[in-house]
Amino acid sequence: MYRALGSCCLLAPLFLSACSSSARAPVTTRGDAPRDTPAVTESRPTASAADAASATMHEVIKGDTLYSIAWRYGQDYRDIARWNGIGDPYLIVPGRQLRVIAPANVSVPPAPPRPAAASGVPDAPAVAPPRPALTSRPGARTPISSHGAISWQWPTSGRVIKSDSPTARKGLEISGSQGQSVIAAAAGSVVYSGSGLLGYGRLIILKHSETFLSAYAYNERLLVAEGDQVVTGQQIATMGLDNSGQPVLHFEIRKDGRPVNPMEHLPRSPQSGRS
């Protein structure tokens, strides 16, 4: 009996040693990452970010002018020119990306200085890049001073079927007959003549001063081209049909890129066609 008890006492330490080695706690080092750390994924621009970027930029296409782009986005053409470093006469080329929303107050860093040529190696002669085709002819100088008073006339005869409204599309719609004369409401230069602005049909935009522009939409025929000078009362187009098929002229006046009520500028004459 004592011999059996002694044998058990000798085997007990060995059993405890085996148990402790099999239940050993894991060892970690400071450099090991926790097991529950999520995988790092590359951040990608979201669709909303891409949409926001596209909303601030416009890619110039054939037929665009700085004035038509400014009209489309409700901006002053001078602001878009300044945001994009475009000088008078405001020429643009197809494919160029233009900022059409005011940028944040971030200064543009100056271009880095040109590195000096290596000693003993002459500079290669400068080669001018091919000149891209312009989307419009340079406009002639507007004959009216930005500080001069503009004498407005009605752009056509007829009845006003829609007046300027704060909640609807700006400008007037004047009904008439298809093909009747559309005239310049004031002297100026043609800064856009085409059909590239969605919702305006064949459109003419006149620049009367650095401040005022006027637009004539839904024309049947355009009788003037970009760069032409026009005088007050000169025929510039013939009346066409609006999107619903009715003969009408859509007329707008903008000041500093913002629509104004034409009724506040047009004369109150019996021949004006006012209802």
Foldseek 3Di string as FASTA:
>chain_A
DVVVVVVVVVCVVVVVVVVCVVPDDDDDDPPDDDPPDDDDDDDDDDPVNVVVVVVFKDFDDAQDFLVVVLLLLLAFSVQQCVQVVHDPVRWDAGGDITGNDDDDPDDDDDDDDDDDDDPPDDDDDDDDDDDGDTNADRADDWPDEQPDDWQFAAQFFAEWPDFADPVDDGFTKGADDFFAFGWGRAWFFWAHFQQPRPQFGTKTKGDNYSFKIKMKGQFPAAQDGGRDTHGHGHTGTTFHAGPVGGGIITMFMGTNSHTDGVVVRYDPDPRNNYD
